[in-house]
Protein backbone atom coordinates (compact mmCIF):
# COMPACT_ATOMS: atom_id res chain seq x y z
CA UNK A 1 -164.95 1.99 70.96
CA UNK A 2 -161.37 0.87 71.39
CA UNK A 3 -159.54 1.75 74.52
CA UNK A 4 -156.06 3.17 74.40
CA UNK A 5 -153.73 0.55 75.80
CA UNK A 6 -150.58 2.61 75.34
CA UNK A 7 -150.47 5.25 78.09
CA UNK A 8 -146.69 5.54 77.71
CA UNK A 9 -147.15 6.57 74.07
CA UNK A 10 -149.71 9.17 75.17
CA UNK A 11 -147.25 10.58 77.69
CA UNK A 12 -144.57 10.82 74.99
CA UNK A 13 -146.96 12.69 72.69
CA UNK A 14 -147.94 15.11 75.45
CA UNK A 15 -144.29 15.67 76.34
CA UNK A 16 -143.45 16.35 72.69
CA UNK A 17 -146.28 18.90 72.39
CA UNK A 18 -145.17 20.66 75.57
CA UNK A 19 -141.55 20.80 74.39
CA UNK A 20 -142.59 22.30 71.06
CA UNK A 21 -144.51 25.03 72.87
CA UNK A 22 -141.63 25.95 75.19
CA UNK A 23 -138.44 25.14 73.28
CA UNK A 24 -137.04 25.78 69.80
CA UNK A 25 -136.30 22.28 68.48
CA UNK A 26 -135.47 23.05 64.84
CA UNK A 27 -131.86 23.98 65.49
CA UNK A 28 -129.86 22.06 62.90
CA UNK A 29 -126.53 20.36 63.48
CA UNK A 30 -125.50 21.65 60.06
CA UNK A 31 -125.74 25.17 61.51
CA UNK A 32 -122.95 24.35 63.96
CA UNK A 33 -120.81 22.69 61.31
CA UNK A 34 -121.15 25.61 58.89
CA UNK A 35 -120.51 28.17 61.64
CA UNK A 36 -117.34 26.33 62.64
CA UNK A 37 -116.02 26.20 59.09
CA UNK A 38 -116.81 29.89 58.55
CA UNK A 39 -115.07 30.80 61.83
CA UNK A 40 -111.92 28.89 60.89
CA UNK A 41 -111.84 30.53 57.46
CA UNK A 42 -112.31 33.95 59.05
CA UNK A 43 -109.57 33.29 61.61
CA UNK A 44 -107.12 32.25 58.90
CA UNK A 45 -108.00 35.38 56.94
CA UNK A 46 -107.37 37.51 60.05
CA UNK A 47 -104.04 35.75 60.61
CA UNK A 48 -102.99 36.57 57.06
CA UNK A 49 -104.14 40.20 57.39
CA UNK A 50 -102.18 40.76 60.61
CA UNK A 51 -99.11 38.63 60.15
CA UNK A 52 -98.89 37.47 56.57
CA UNK A 53 -98.40 33.84 55.53
CA UNK A 54 -96.35 32.76 58.57
CA UNK A 55 -96.15 29.12 59.62
CA UNK A 56 -96.17 29.57 63.40
CA UNK A 57 -99.43 31.44 64.00
CA UNK A 58 -100.24 30.32 67.56
CA UNK A 59 -99.48 33.65 69.22
CA UNK A 60 -100.08 36.21 66.48
CA UNK A 61 -102.79 38.07 68.41
CA UNK A 62 -101.22 37.95 71.87
CA UNK A 63 -99.86 41.51 71.92
CA UNK A 64 -101.93 43.09 69.14
CA UNK A 65 -103.97 46.16 70.11
CA UNK A 66 -106.35 46.73 67.22
CA UNK A 67 -106.43 50.56 67.04
CA UNK A 68 -102.62 50.56 66.84
CA UNK A 69 -102.69 48.61 63.59
CA UNK A 70 -102.37 50.45 60.24
CA UNK A 71 -105.69 51.88 59.09
CA UNK A 72 -106.01 49.54 56.12
CA UNK A 73 -105.24 46.48 58.25
CA UNK A 74 -107.77 47.54 60.89
CA UNK A 75 -110.45 48.08 58.22
CA UNK A 76 -109.77 44.66 56.68
CA UNK A 77 -110.07 43.01 60.09
CA UNK A 78 -113.40 44.71 60.73
CA UNK A 79 -114.63 43.60 57.30
CA UNK A 80 -113.44 40.06 58.00
CA UNK A 81 -115.23 39.98 61.38
CA UNK A 82 -118.44 41.38 59.86
CA UNK A 83 -118.35 38.80 57.05
CA UNK A 84 -117.87 35.94 59.52
CA UNK A 85 -120.76 37.16 61.67
CA UNK A 86 -123.16 37.66 58.75
CA UNK A 87 -122.30 34.34 57.10
CA UNK A 88 -122.50 32.37 60.35
CA UNK A 89 -125.90 33.83 61.27
CA UNK A 90 -127.20 33.39 57.73
CA UNK A 91 -126.14 29.74 57.57
CA UNK A 92 -127.66 29.04 61.02
CA UNK A 93 -130.97 30.59 59.95
CA UNK A 94 -130.98 28.76 56.61
CA UNK A 95 -130.32 25.28 57.99
CA UNK A 96 -132.75 25.77 60.88
CA UNK A 97 -135.41 27.03 58.46
CA UNK A 98 -134.82 24.01 56.23
CA UNK A 99 -135.12 21.60 59.16
CA UNK A 100 -138.30 23.31 60.39
CA UNK A 101 -139.81 23.10 56.91
CA UNK A 102 -139.07 19.37 56.71
CA UNK A 103 -140.82 18.88 60.05
CA UNK A 104 -143.76 20.99 58.95
CA UNK A 105 -143.26 23.53 61.73
CA UNK A 106 -142.74 27.28 61.77
CA UNK A 107 -139.29 28.68 62.48
CA UNK A 108 -140.56 31.96 64.02
CA UNK A 109 -142.74 31.50 67.10
CA UNK A 110 -142.99 33.19 70.52
CA UNK A 111 -140.44 30.63 71.72
CA UNK A 112 -138.04 31.64 68.95
CA UNK A 113 -138.42 35.27 69.98
CA UNK A 114 -137.56 34.43 73.60
CA UNK A 115 -134.60 32.36 72.42
CA UNK A 116 -133.17 35.24 70.39
CA UNK A 117 -133.80 37.74 73.19
CA UNK A 118 -131.91 35.63 75.73
CA UNK A 119 -129.16 34.93 73.21
CA UNK A 120 -128.81 38.57 72.19
CA UNK A 121 -128.49 40.25 75.59
CA UNK A 122 -125.04 38.81 76.50
CA UNK A 123 -123.91 39.05 72.85
CA UNK A 124 -124.80 42.74 72.56
CA UNK A 125 -123.30 43.49 75.98
CA UNK A 126 -120.12 41.65 75.00
CA UNK A 127 -119.92 43.40 71.65
CA UNK A 128 -120.28 46.81 73.24
CA UNK A 129 -117.73 45.91 75.92
CA UNK A 130 -115.18 44.92 73.28
CA UNK A 131 -115.82 47.98 71.09
CA UNK A 132 -115.55 50.39 74.03
CA UNK A 133 -112.29 48.83 75.29
CA UNK A 134 -110.49 48.14 72.01
CA UNK A 135 -107.79 50.71 72.69
CA UNK A 136 -107.04 49.33 76.15
CA UNK A 137 -106.96 45.57 75.61
CA UNK A 138 -104.46 43.26 73.94
CA UNK A 139 -105.64 40.92 71.24
CA UNK A 140 -105.56 37.88 73.52
CA UNK A 141 -107.99 39.54 75.94
CA UNK A 142 -110.27 40.51 73.06
CA UNK A 143 -110.26 36.86 71.89
CA UNK A 144 -111.01 35.64 75.42
CA UNK A 145 -113.84 38.16 75.79
CA UNK A 146 -115.55 37.04 72.59
CA UNK A 147 -115.48 33.41 73.74
CA UNK A 148 -116.70 34.17 77.27
CA UNK A 149 -119.58 36.44 76.24
CA UNK A 150 -120.60 34.02 73.51
CA UNK A 151 -120.57 31.14 75.99
CA UNK A 152 -122.71 33.16 78.41
CA UNK A 153 -125.21 33.87 75.63
CA UNK A 154 -125.52 30.14 74.86
CA UNK A 155 -125.99 29.26 78.54
CA UNK A 156 -128.61 31.99 78.84
CA UNK A 157 -130.54 30.78 75.78
CA UNK A 158 -130.22 27.03 76.42
CA UNK A 159 -133.49 26.79 78.35
CA UNK A 160 -135.38 27.70 75.18
CA UNK A 161 -133.74 25.18 72.85
CA UNK A 162 -131.84 21.87 72.83
CA UNK A 163 -130.15 21.08 76.14
CA UNK A 164 -126.80 20.41 74.50
CA UNK A 165 -126.47 24.15 73.89
CA UNK A 166 -125.84 24.62 77.61
CA UNK A 167 -122.85 22.26 77.47
CA UNK A 168 -121.45 24.04 74.43
CA UNK A 169 -121.77 27.36 76.26
CA UNK A 170 -119.82 26.03 79.26
CA UNK A 171 -117.05 24.80 76.95
CA UNK A 172 -116.88 28.20 75.22
CA UNK A 173 -116.56 29.97 78.58
CA UNK A 174 -113.84 27.54 79.70
CA UNK A 175 -111.95 28.10 76.45
CA UNK A 176 -112.15 31.87 76.93
CA UNK A 177 -110.79 31.61 80.46
CA UNK A 178 -107.99 29.41 79.14
CA UNK A 179 -107.15 32.23 76.71
CA UNK A 180 -106.49 34.47 79.70
CA UNK A 181 -104.28 31.83 81.32
CA UNK A 182 -102.38 31.04 78.10
CA UNK A 183 -102.35 34.30 76.08
CA UNK A 184 -99.63 32.97 73.78
CA UNK A 185 -102.14 30.44 72.42
CA UNK A 186 -105.07 32.85 72.10
CA UNK A 187 -105.34 32.43 68.34
CA UNK A 188 -105.31 28.62 68.50
CA UNK A 189 -107.83 28.64 71.36
CA UNK A 190 -110.11 31.04 69.49
CA UNK A 191 -110.05 28.73 66.48
CA UNK A 192 -110.75 25.79 68.79
CA UNK A 193 -113.67 27.55 70.51
CA UNK A 194 -115.45 28.99 67.50
CA UNK A 195 -114.27 26.47 64.92
CA UNK A 196 -113.53 22.99 66.25
CA UNK A 197 -116.11 23.01 69.06
CA UNK A 198 -118.84 24.14 66.67
CA UNK A 199 -117.98 21.47 64.13
CA UNK A 200 -117.84 18.73 66.81
CA UNK A 201 -121.10 19.93 68.37
CA UNK A 202 -122.82 20.24 64.99
CA UNK A 203 -121.73 16.75 63.92
CA UNK A 204 -122.98 15.24 67.19
CA UNK A 205 -126.31 17.06 66.94
CA UNK A 206 -126.76 16.15 63.28
CA UNK A 207 -126.52 12.42 63.94
CA UNK A 208 -128.46 12.55 67.24
CA UNK A 209 -131.41 14.56 65.92
CA UNK A 210 -131.20 13.51 62.26
CA UNK A 211 -130.61 16.96 60.89
């Protein structure tokens, strides 16, 4: 009977098994890239809906209060936001499912359930906060709120998935706070937070984790 002369390899295997039982490791970098692209497209669509094809779009949402917009414009913005949300979630689920299938693992486990629970609580709270205060907040504060609550949801869920999610959450929160400091650049900062940061994060994760 051969003895195992590679205790370090055994430790690595044990560590990998423990991580798989406590953390969701099938999150794909392509999910971040696709979410970023979808967010940028949605932001450009919202810019066009509110302000038309203007060149200088940095501050278009600074003083916009959504319920004061014309009914058709408000409805189009809601449809745009819903489309971005559905497409971003769908792409994240698809690429994560594809990565899990390649690894021969299941995408839905008790760990996945805990991940979504911890992700959803700040997101739902933030969504309700924004809906209930739409008539009392300017567009720049709405943009900041979406970034801050989203960042908090990532920080809250990071312990159940890849550690880099925590860093992305901190950056999202910082970007949201910057929106409050520089309301004239709220649109650009929103695009940076939900678009550029996601694409940069997704690209980094894709090459680091090979998928």
